[in-house]
C-alpha atoms as a PDB file:
ATOM      1  CA  MET A   1       0.014  -0.015  -0.025  1.00  0.00           C
ATOM      2  CA  ARG A   2       2.959   2.430   0.613  1.00  0.00           C
ATOM      3  CA  ALA A   3       3.843   2.822  -3.190  1.00  0.00           C
ATOM      4  CA  PRO A   4       0.509   3.924  -4.464  1.00  0.00           C
ATOM      5  CA  ARG A   5       0.138   6.344  -1.564  1.00  0.00           C
ATOM      6  CA  PHE A   6       3.662   7.631  -2.226  1.00  0.00           C
ATOM      7  CA  ARG A   7       2.697   7.955  -6.128  1.00  0.00           C
ATOM      8  CA  PHE A   8      -0.455   9.829  -5.232  1.00  0.00           C
ATOM      9  CA  ILE A   9       1.117  12.371  -3.133  1.00  0.00           C
ATOM     10  CA  ARG A  10       3.486  13.431  -6.035  1.00  0.00           C
ATOM     11  CA  SER A  11       0.410  13.864  -8.272  1.00  0.00           C
ATOM     12  CA  ASP A  12      -1.194  17.153  -9.027  1.00  0.00           C
ATOM     13  CA  GLN A  13      -4.344  16.057  -7.013  1.00  0.00           C
ATOM     14  CA  TYR A  14      -2.406  16.132  -3.917  1.00  0.00           C
ATOM     15  CA  SER A  15      -2.518  19.978  -3.652  1.00  0.00           C
ATOM     16  CA  PHE A  16      -6.243  19.567  -3.589  1.00  0.00           C
ATOM     17  CA  VAL A  17      -6.125  16.858  -0.839  1.00  0.00           C
ATOM     18  CA  LYS A  18      -4.056  19.143   1.478  1.00  0.00           C
ATOM     19  CA  GLN A  19      -6.650  21.635   1.339  1.00  0.00           C
ATOM     20  CA  GLY A  20      -9.218  18.977   2.547  1.00  0.00           C
ATOM     21  CA  ILE A  21     -10.886  18.595  -0.899  1.00  0.00           C
ATOM     22  CA  PRO A  22     -11.609  14.983  -1.982  1.00  0.00           C
ATOM     23  CA  SER A  23      -9.865  14.271  -5.031  1.00  0.00           C
ATOM     24  CA  VAL A  24      -9.409  11.304  -7.578  1.00  0.00           C
ATOM     25  CA  TRP A  25      -6.302   9.649  -9.167  1.00  0.00           C
ATOM     26  CA  LEU A  26      -7.373   8.020 -12.367  1.00  0.00           C
ATOM     27  CA  ARG A  27      -4.880   5.503 -13.713  1.00  0.00           C
ATOM     28  CA  ASN A  28      -4.800   3.791 -17.090  1.00  0.00           C
ATOM     29  CA  GLY A  29      -6.014   0.369 -17.840  1.00  0.00           C
ATOM     30  CA  ALA A  30      -3.894  -2.876 -17.908  1.00  0.00           C
ATOM     31  CA  ASP A  31      -2.749  -2.077 -21.653  1.00  0.00           C
ATOM     32  CA  GLY A  32      -2.065   1.620 -20.463  1.00  0.00           C
ATOM     33  CA  ILE A  33       0.234   0.478 -17.780  1.00  0.00           C
ATOM     34  CA  ASP A  34       2.130  -1.947 -19.930  1.00  0.00           C
ATOM     35  CA  VAL A  35       2.571   0.896 -22.441  1.00  0.00           C
ATOM     36  CA  LEU A  36       3.833   3.306 -19.750  1.00  0.00           C
ATOM     37  CA  LYS A  37       6.186   0.673 -18.239  1.00  0.00           C
ATOM     38  CA  LYS A  38       8.129   0.161 -21.483  1.00  0.00           C
ATOM     39  CA  TRP A  39       8.319   3.986 -22.241  1.00  0.00           C
ATOM     40  CA  PHE A  40       9.482   4.537 -18.723  1.00  0.00           C
ATOM     41  CA  ALA A  41      12.156   1.614 -19.327  1.00  0.00           C
ATOM     42  CA  THR A  42      13.206   2.661 -22.706  1.00  0.00           C
ATOM     43  CA  ARG A  43      12.728   6.446 -23.169  1.00  0.00           C
ATOM     44  CA  TYR A  44      11.935   8.480 -20.376  1.00  0.00           C
ATOM     45  CA  HIS A  45      14.741  10.812 -19.743  1.00  0.00           C
ATOM     46  CA  THR A  46      16.893   9.550 -22.261  1.00  0.00           C
ATOM     47  CA  PRO A  47      17.834  11.145 -25.795  1.00  0.00           C
ATOM     48  CA  LEU A  48      14.697   9.104 -27.165  1.00  0.00           C
ATOM     49  CA  ASP A  49      12.499  11.268 -24.861  1.00  0.00           C
ATOM     50  CA  ASN A  50      11.908  13.976 -27.534  1.00  0.00           C
ATOM     51  CA  MET A  51       9.267  15.741 -29.665  1.00  0.00           C
ATOM     52  CA  GLU A  52       9.527  12.909 -32.312  1.00  0.00           C
ATOM     53  CA  GLN A  53       7.722  10.244 -30.251  1.00  0.00           C
ATOM     54  CA  GLN A  54       4.389   9.134 -31.543  1.00  0.00           C
ATOM     55  CA  ILE A  55       1.212  10.869 -30.160  1.00  0.00           C
ATOM     56  CA  TYR A  56      -1.792   8.915 -29.569  1.00  0.00           C
ATOM     57  CA  TYR A  57      -4.502  11.716 -30.136  1.00  0.00           C
ATOM     58  CA  ASP A  58      -7.424   9.112 -30.213  1.00  0.00           C
ATOM     59  CA  ALA A  59      -6.492   7.925 -27.040  1.00  0.00           C
ATOM     60  CA  GLY A  60      -6.019  11.597 -25.496  1.00  0.00           C
ATOM     61  CA  LEU A  61      -9.443  12.526 -26.929  1.00  0.00           C
ATOM     62  CA  LYS A  62     -10.957   9.375 -25.316  1.00  0.00           C
ATOM     63  CA  ALA A  63      -9.254  10.364 -21.865  1.00  0.00           C
ATOM     64  CA  ALA A  64     -10.389  14.000 -22.086  1.00  0.00           C
ATOM     65  CA  GLY A  65     -13.949  12.978 -22.678  1.00  0.00           C
ATOM     66  CA  MET A  66     -14.070  10.684 -19.942  1.00  0.00           C
ATOM     67  CA  TYR A  67     -12.364  13.461 -17.628  1.00  0.00           C
ATOM     68  CA  PHE A  68     -15.248  15.867 -18.747  1.00  0.00           C
ATOM     69  CA  LEU A  69     -17.905  13.262 -17.899  1.00  0.00           C
ATOM     70  CA  LEU A  70     -16.470  12.576 -14.581  1.00  0.00           C
ATOM     71  CA  GLY A  71     -16.158  16.305 -13.664  1.00  0.00           C
ATOM     72  CA  TYR A  72     -19.686  16.958 -14.970  1.00  0.00           C
ATOM     73  CA  SER A  73     -21.385  14.151 -13.062  1.00  0.00           C
ATOM     74  CA  VAL A  74     -19.740  15.418 -10.030  1.00  0.00           C
ATOM     75  CA  ALA A  75     -20.718  18.843 -10.415  1.00  0.00           C
ATOM     76  CA  GLN A  76     -24.579  17.762 -10.976  1.00  0.00           C
ATOM     77  CA  GLN A  77     -24.687  16.166  -7.800  1.00  0.00           C
ATOM     78  CA  ASP A  78     -26.859  17.728  -4.960  1.00  0.00           C
ATOM     79  CA  GLN A  79     -24.137  17.139  -2.428  1.00  0.00           C
ATOM     80  CA  PRO A  80     -20.255  17.976  -2.660  1.00  0.00           C
ATOM     81  CA  PRO A  81     -17.891  15.218  -2.822  1.00  0.00           C
ATOM     82  CA  ALA A  82     -17.042  13.552   0.572  1.00  0.00           C
ATOM     83  CA  TRP A  83     -14.329  11.341   2.003  1.00  0.00           C
ATOM     84  CA  ASN A  84     -14.829   7.831   2.331  1.00  0.00           C
ATOM     85  CA  GLU A  85     -15.166   6.560   5.872  1.00  0.00           C
ATOM     86  CA  ASN A  86     -11.439   6.041   7.617  1.00  0.00           C
ATOM     87  CA  ASP A  87      -9.868   7.037   4.342  1.00  0.00           C
ATOM     88  CA  PHE A  88      -6.294   7.802   5.262  1.00  0.00           C
ATOM     89  CA  PHE A  89      -6.033  11.271   3.487  1.00  0.00           C
ATOM     90  CA  GLY A  90      -9.518  12.334   4.747  1.00  0.00           C
ATOM     91  CA  THR A  91      -8.553  11.571   8.387  1.00  0.00           C
ATOM     92  CA  MET A  92      -5.174  13.569   7.769  1.00  0.00           C
ATOM     93  CA  PHE A  93      -6.628  16.615   5.919  1.00  0.00           C
ATOM     94  CA  GLY A  94     -10.526  16.286   5.869  1.00  0.00           C
ATOM     95  CA  PRO A  95     -12.568  19.143   7.317  1.00  0.00           C
ATOM     96  CA  THR A  96     -13.012  17.381  10.705  1.00  0.00           C
ATOM     97  CA  ARG A  97      -9.346  17.447  11.225  1.00  0.00           C
END
């Protein structure tokens, strides 16, 4: 459990969490994880990590649409997002702290 928590505190969402705002950290599916692992192992911070890499616009469009729908769905709720009971971050930073 420590590794995912460490990765989350390095994410952009963590700034919201530290202010007591529940936030989500979306991850890629199984195929996306394999692609990312290969990219990190073979290109990340190497001379091959340049602007000539292929960009998968269709995948970006699909992800952007999903993020929009998630945000829109949350915005339509009568109640604001809340922490799950006994959530580590909610206990540390939530409004009752």
